[in-house]
């Protein structure tokens, strides 16, 4: 029996759902079972999603970096929804329940913004947007500043080592 043909809208919905489940760590067979699709269809759709991730990148990033960026996007979208929910006024909730609140409007939970900043910092590092960190050169142990050797000292050392080899 032939599989039913999906509409372009259904393909996009399936691919969005597959991408979200994949980024949440679901295995392909779990995605196939949950979406009612064959394993081959999930593999194909995931390949198409990865192509879109690659095409939407400004630079040609490797697949792992693209997945990490997409995962950060998913986390950020979820955090924004939770932030908005945490900003909801208690009056709106209590009006739904038929009660009146005398308290001030509720402000958002700052923990969401802390995590959001961490996501933004991580994304900036992955994309190389941060200015390079300046490091002071040291010896291999890291306990003394690096001392540059003059070219004539290098030549003398080379001749010394060659003489030892004989």
C-alpha atoms as a PDB file:
ATOM      1  CA  UNK A   1       0.000   0.000   0.000  1.00  0.00           C
ATOM      2  CA  UNK A   2       1.430   3.390  -1.003  1.00  0.00           C
ATOM      3  CA  UNK A   3       1.931   6.090   1.590  1.00  0.00           C
ATOM      4  CA  UNK A   4      -0.361   9.110   1.443  1.00  0.00           C
ATOM      5  CA  UNK A   5       1.146  12.144  -0.219  1.00  0.00           C
ATOM      6  CA  UNK A   6       1.736  15.071   2.140  1.00  0.00           C
ATOM      7  CA  UNK A   7       0.786  18.609   1.218  1.00  0.00           C
ATOM      8  CA  UNK A   8       3.562  21.238   1.227  1.00  0.00           C
ATOM      9  CA  UNK A   9       2.053  22.681   4.425  1.00  0.00           C
ATOM     10  CA  UNK A  10       2.090  19.258   6.051  1.00  0.00           C
ATOM     11  CA  UNK A  11       5.715  18.712   4.980  1.00  0.00           C
ATOM     12  CA  UNK A  12       6.713  22.017   6.629  1.00  0.00           C
ATOM     13  CA  UNK A  13       4.789  21.169   9.817  1.00  0.00           C
ATOM     14  CA  UNK A  14       6.305  17.686   9.932  1.00  0.00           C
ATOM     15  CA  UNK A  15       9.819  19.022   9.366  1.00  0.00           C
ATOM     16  CA  UNK A  16       9.391  21.682  12.081  1.00  0.00           C
ATOM     17  CA  UNK A  17       8.134  19.045  14.515  1.00  0.00           C
ATOM     18  CA  UNK A  18      10.903  16.606  13.554  1.00  0.00           C
ATOM     19  CA  UNK A  19      13.540  19.321  14.023  1.00  0.00           C
ATOM     20  CA  UNK A  20      12.156  20.245  17.437  1.00  0.00           C
ATOM     21  CA  UNK A  21      12.041  16.635  18.616  1.00  0.00           C
ATOM     22  CA  UNK A  22      15.536  15.991  17.236  1.00  0.00           C
ATOM     23  CA  UNK A  23      16.932  19.011  19.060  1.00  0.00           C
ATOM     24  CA  UNK A  24      15.295  17.800  22.268  1.00  0.00           C
ATOM     25  CA  UNK A  25      17.278  14.558  21.942  1.00  0.00           C
ATOM     26  CA  UNK A  26      14.626  12.175  20.575  1.00  0.00           C
ATOM     27  CA  UNK A  27      15.942   9.294  18.481  1.00  0.00           C
ATOM     28  CA  UNK A  28      14.790   8.940  14.880  1.00  0.00           C
ATOM     29  CA  UNK A  29      12.651   5.867  15.592  1.00  0.00           C
ATOM     30  CA  UNK A  30      10.948   7.734  18.450  1.00  0.00           C
ATOM     31  CA  UNK A  31      10.237  10.663  16.120  1.00  0.00           C
ATOM     32  CA  UNK A  32       8.886   8.266  13.473  1.00  0.00           C
ATOM     33  CA  UNK A  33       6.562   6.619  16.003  1.00  0.00           C
ATOM     34  CA  UNK A  34       5.363   9.923  17.465  1.00  0.00           C
ATOM     35  CA  UNK A  35       4.708  11.518  14.051  1.00  0.00           C
ATOM     36  CA  UNK A  36       3.312   8.392  12.380  1.00  0.00           C
ATOM     37  CA  UNK A  37       6.006   8.505   9.694  1.00  0.00           C
ATOM     38  CA  UNK A  38       8.425   5.920   8.352  1.00  0.00           C
ATOM     39  CA  UNK A  39      12.067   5.955   9.426  1.00  0.00           C
ATOM     40  CA  UNK A  40      13.055   6.777   5.844  1.00  0.00           C
ATOM     41  CA  UNK A  41      10.707   9.760   5.823  1.00  0.00           C
ATOM     42  CA  UNK A  42      12.165  11.036   9.107  1.00  0.00           C
ATOM     43  CA  UNK A  43      15.718  10.615   7.750  1.00  0.00           C
ATOM     44  CA  UNK A  44      14.794  12.485   4.577  1.00  0.00           C
ATOM     45  CA  UNK A  45      13.014  15.286   6.451  1.00  0.00           C
ATOM     46  CA  UNK A  46      15.900  15.643   8.897  1.00  0.00           C
ATOM     47  CA  UNK A  47      18.334  15.867   5.969  1.00  0.00           C
ATOM     48  CA  UNK A  48      16.180  18.637   4.460  1.00  0.00           C
ATOM     49  CA  UNK A  49      16.049  20.480   7.810  1.00  0.00           C
ATOM     50  CA  UNK A  50      19.836  20.306   8.079  1.00  0.00           C
ATOM     51  CA  UNK A  51      20.156  21.720   4.545  1.00  0.00           C
ATOM     52  CA  UNK A  52      17.941  24.648   5.532  1.00  0.00           C
ATOM     53  CA  UNK A  53      20.001  25.220   8.687  1.00  0.00           C
ATOM     54  CA  UNK A  54      23.130  25.259   6.557  1.00  0.00           C
ATOM     55  CA  UNK A  55      21.607  27.635   3.983  1.00  0.00           C
ATOM     56  CA  UNK A  56      20.281  30.011   6.643  1.00  0.00           C
ATOM     57  CA  UNK A  57      23.731  30.417   8.180  1.00  0.00           C
ATOM     58  CA  UNK A  58      25.726  33.480   7.185  1.00  0.00           C
ATOM     59  CA  UNK A  59      28.867  31.352   6.916  1.00  0.00           C
ATOM     60  CA  UNK A  60      29.252  27.688   6.080  1.00  0.00           C
ATOM     61  CA  UNK A  61      29.277  26.232   9.614  1.00  0.00           C
ATOM     62  CA  UNK A  62      29.683  22.546  10.204  1.00  0.00           C
ATOM     63  CA  UNK A  63      26.589  20.483  11.023  1.00  0.00           C
ATOM     64  CA  UNK A  64      27.282  20.288  14.751  1.00  0.00           C
ATOM     65  CA  UNK A  65      27.541  24.059  15.130  1.00  0.00           C
ATOM     66  CA  UNK A  66      24.310  24.484  13.162  1.00  0.00           C
ATOM     67  CA  UNK A  67      22.529  22.024  15.431  1.00  0.00           C
ATOM     68  CA  UNK A  68      23.806  23.809  18.513  1.00  0.00           C
ATOM     69  CA  UNK A  69      22.578  27.151  17.184  1.00  0.00           C
ATOM     70  CA  UNK A  70      19.174  25.664  16.384  1.00  0.00           C
ATOM     71  CA  UNK A  71      19.050  24.120  19.865  1.00  0.00           C
ATOM     72  CA  UNK A  72      19.829  27.529  21.396  1.00  0.00           C
ATOM     73  CA  UNK A  73      17.068  29.087  19.266  1.00  0.00           C
ATOM     74  CA  UNK A  74      14.590  26.510  20.530  1.00  0.00           C
ATOM     75  CA  UNK A  75      15.616  27.111  24.143  1.00  0.00           C
ATOM     76  CA  UNK A  76      15.387  30.876  23.699  1.00  0.00           C
ATOM     77  CA  UNK A  77      11.883  30.681  22.205  1.00  0.00           C
ATOM     78  CA  UNK A  78      10.751  28.523  25.112  1.00  0.00           C
ATOM     79  CA  UNK A  79      12.326  30.911  27.627  1.00  0.00           C
ATOM     80  CA  UNK A  80      10.570  33.908  26.067  1.00  0.00           C
ATOM     81  CA  UNK A  81       7.201  32.155  26.431  1.00  0.00           C
ATOM     82  CA  UNK A  82       7.946  31.360  30.080  1.00  0.00           C
ATOM     83  CA  UNK A  83       9.189  34.914  30.708  1.00  0.00           C
ATOM     84  CA  UNK A  84       5.971  36.344  29.262  1.00  0.00           C
ATOM     85  CA  UNK A  85       3.948  33.947  31.408  1.00  0.00           C
ATOM     86  CA  UNK A  86       5.908  34.976  34.514  1.00  0.00           C
ATOM     87  CA  UNK A  87       5.162  38.642  33.729  1.00  0.00           C
ATOM     88  CA  UNK A  88       1.414  38.021  33.776  1.00  0.00           C
ATOM     89  CA  UNK A  89      -0.445  40.092  36.352  1.00  0.00           C
ATOM     90  CA  UNK A  90      -2.057  38.225  39.240  1.00  0.00           C
ATOM     91  CA  UNK A  91      -5.220  40.232  38.524  1.00  0.00           C
ATOM     92  CA  UNK A  92      -5.653  38.578  35.124  1.00  0.00           C
ATOM     93  CA  UNK A  93      -5.347  35.121  36.676  1.00  0.00           C
ATOM     94  CA  UNK A  94      -7.677  35.957  39.548  1.00  0.00           C
ATOM     95  CA  UNK A  95     -10.279  37.553  37.268  1.00  0.00           C
ATOM     96  CA  UNK A  96     -10.443  34.226  35.449  1.00  0.00           C
ATOM     97  CA  UNK A  97     -11.124  32.570  38.827  1.00  0.00           C
ATOM     98  CA  UNK A  98     -13.648  35.251  39.817  1.00  0.00           C
ATOM     99  CA  UNK A  99     -11.483  36.884  42.507  1.00  0.00           C
ATOM    100  CA  UNK A 100     -10.089  40.429  42.847  1.00  0.00           C
ATOM    101  CA  UNK A 101      -6.412  41.087  43.656  1.00  0.00           C
ATOM    102  CA  UNK A 102      -5.248  44.052  45.729  1.00  0.00           C
ATOM    103  CA  UNK A 103      -1.532  43.383  45.076  1.00  0.00           C
ATOM    104  CA  UNK A 104       0.756  45.178  42.642  1.00  0.00           C
ATOM    105  CA  UNK A 105       1.232  43.769  39.136  1.00  0.00           C
ATOM    106  CA  UNK A 106       3.658  40.868  39.000  1.00  0.00           C
ATOM    107  CA  UNK A 107       7.113  41.341  37.450  1.00  0.00           C
ATOM    108  CA  UNK A 108       8.852  38.591  35.502  1.00  0.00           C
ATOM    109  CA  UNK A 109      11.080  35.982  37.083  1.00  0.00           C
ATOM    110  CA  UNK A 110      14.672  37.247  36.672  1.00  0.00           C
ATOM    111  CA  UNK A 111      16.011  33.689  36.399  1.00  0.00           C
ATOM    112  CA  UNK A 112      14.620  33.509  32.864  1.00  0.00           C
ATOM    113  CA  UNK A 113      16.635  36.562  31.852  1.00  0.00           C
ATOM    114  CA  UNK A 114      19.787  35.113  33.436  1.00  0.00           C
ATOM    115  CA  UNK A 115      19.433  31.953  31.370  1.00  0.00           C
ATOM    116  CA  UNK A 116      18.581  34.081  28.307  1.00  0.00           C
ATOM    117  CA  UNK A 117      21.831  36.034  28.716  1.00  0.00           C
ATOM    118  CA  UNK A 118      23.755  32.762  28.995  1.00  0.00           C
ATOM    119  CA  UNK A 119      22.176  31.586  25.728  1.00  0.00           C
ATOM    120  CA  UNK A 120      23.034  34.872  24.006  1.00  0.00           C
ATOM    121  CA  UNK A 121      26.650  34.637  25.245  1.00  0.00           C
ATOM    122  CA  UNK A 122      26.913  31.037  24.044  1.00  0.00           C
ATOM    123  CA  UNK A 123      25.491  31.922  20.620  1.00  0.00           C
ATOM    124  CA  UNK A 124      27.928  34.838  20.331  1.00  0.00           C
ATOM    125  CA  UNK A 125      30.844  32.505  21.093  1.00  0.00           C
ATOM    126  CA  UNK A 126      29.666  29.927  18.553  1.00  0.00           C
ATOM    127  CA  UNK A 127      29.357  32.601  15.883  1.00  0.00           C
ATOM    128  CA  UNK A 128      32.685  34.240  16.825  1.00  0.00           C
ATOM    129  CA  UNK A 129      31.035  37.583  17.568  1.00  0.00           C
ATOM    130  CA  UNK A 130      32.993  38.246  20.752  1.00  0.00           C
ATOM    131  CA  UNK A 131      36.240  40.203  20.596  1.00  0.00           C
ATOM    132  CA  UNK A 132      39.260  37.935  20.957  1.00  0.00           C
ATOM    133  CA  UNK A 133      40.468  37.403  24.485  1.00  0.00           C
ATOM    134  CA  UNK A 134      43.929  38.825  25.017  1.00  0.00           C
ATOM    135  CA  UNK A 135      46.310  36.331  26.568  1.00  0.00           C
ATOM    136  CA  UNK A 136      49.744  37.095  27.927  1.00  0.00           C
ATOM    137  CA  UNK A 137      52.278  34.568  26.613  1.00  0.00           C
ATOM    138  CA  UNK A 138      53.980  32.489  29.296  1.00  0.00           C
ATOM    139  CA  UNK A 139      56.278  29.520  29.511  1.00  0.00           C
ATOM    140  CA  UNK A 140      54.655  26.070  29.171  1.00  0.00           C
ATOM    141  CA  UNK A 141      54.118  25.889  32.944  1.00  0.00           C
ATOM    142  CA  UNK A 142      52.352  29.264  32.921  1.00  0.00           C
ATOM    143  CA  UNK A 143      54.326  30.599  35.867  1.00  0.00           C
ATOM    144  CA  UNK A 144      56.803  32.893  34.066  1.00  0.00           C
ATOM    145  CA  UNK A 145      56.384  35.392  31.238  1.00  0.00           C
ATOM    146  CA  UNK A 146      57.516  34.187  27.830  1.00  0.00           C
ATOM    147  CA  UNK A 147      61.017  35.339  26.935  1.00  0.00           C
ATOM    148  CA  UNK A 148      61.746  35.728  23.254  1.00  0.00           C
ATOM    149  CA  UNK A 149      65.128  34.401  22.187  1.00  0.00           C
ATOM    150  CA  UNK A 150      67.275  36.518  19.880  1.00  0.00           C
ATOM    151  CA  UNK A 151      68.098  34.984  16.461  1.00  0.00           C
ATOM    152  CA  UNK A 152      71.838  34.816  17.205  1.00  0.00           C
ATOM    153  CA  UNK A 153      71.075  32.929  20.449  1.00  0.00           C
ATOM    154  CA  UNK A 154      68.987  30.450  18.454  1.00  0.00           C
ATOM    155  CA  UNK A 155      71.845  29.931  15.972  1.00  0.00           C
ATOM    156  CA  UNK A 156      74.313  29.393  18.835  1.00  0.00           C
ATOM    157  CA  UNK A 157      71.982  26.836  20.446  1.00  0.00           C
ATOM    158  CA  UNK A 158      71.536  24.976  17.134  1.00  0.00           C
ATOM    159  CA  UNK A 159      75.341  24.794  16.632  1.00  0.00           C
ATOM    160  CA  UNK A 160      75.737  23.584  20.214  1.00  0.00           C
ATOM    161  CA  UNK A 161      73.179  20.788  19.683  1.00  0.00           C
ATOM    162  CA  UNK A 162      74.707  19.813  16.305  1.00  0.00           C
ATOM    163  CA  UNK A 163      78.145  19.616  17.936  1.00  0.00           C
ATOM    164  CA  UNK A 164      76.750  17.222  20.564  1.00  0.00           C
ATOM    165  CA  UNK A 165      75.376  14.987  17.792  1.00  0.00           C
ATOM    166  CA  UNK A 166      78.829  14.964  16.328  1.00  0.00           C
END
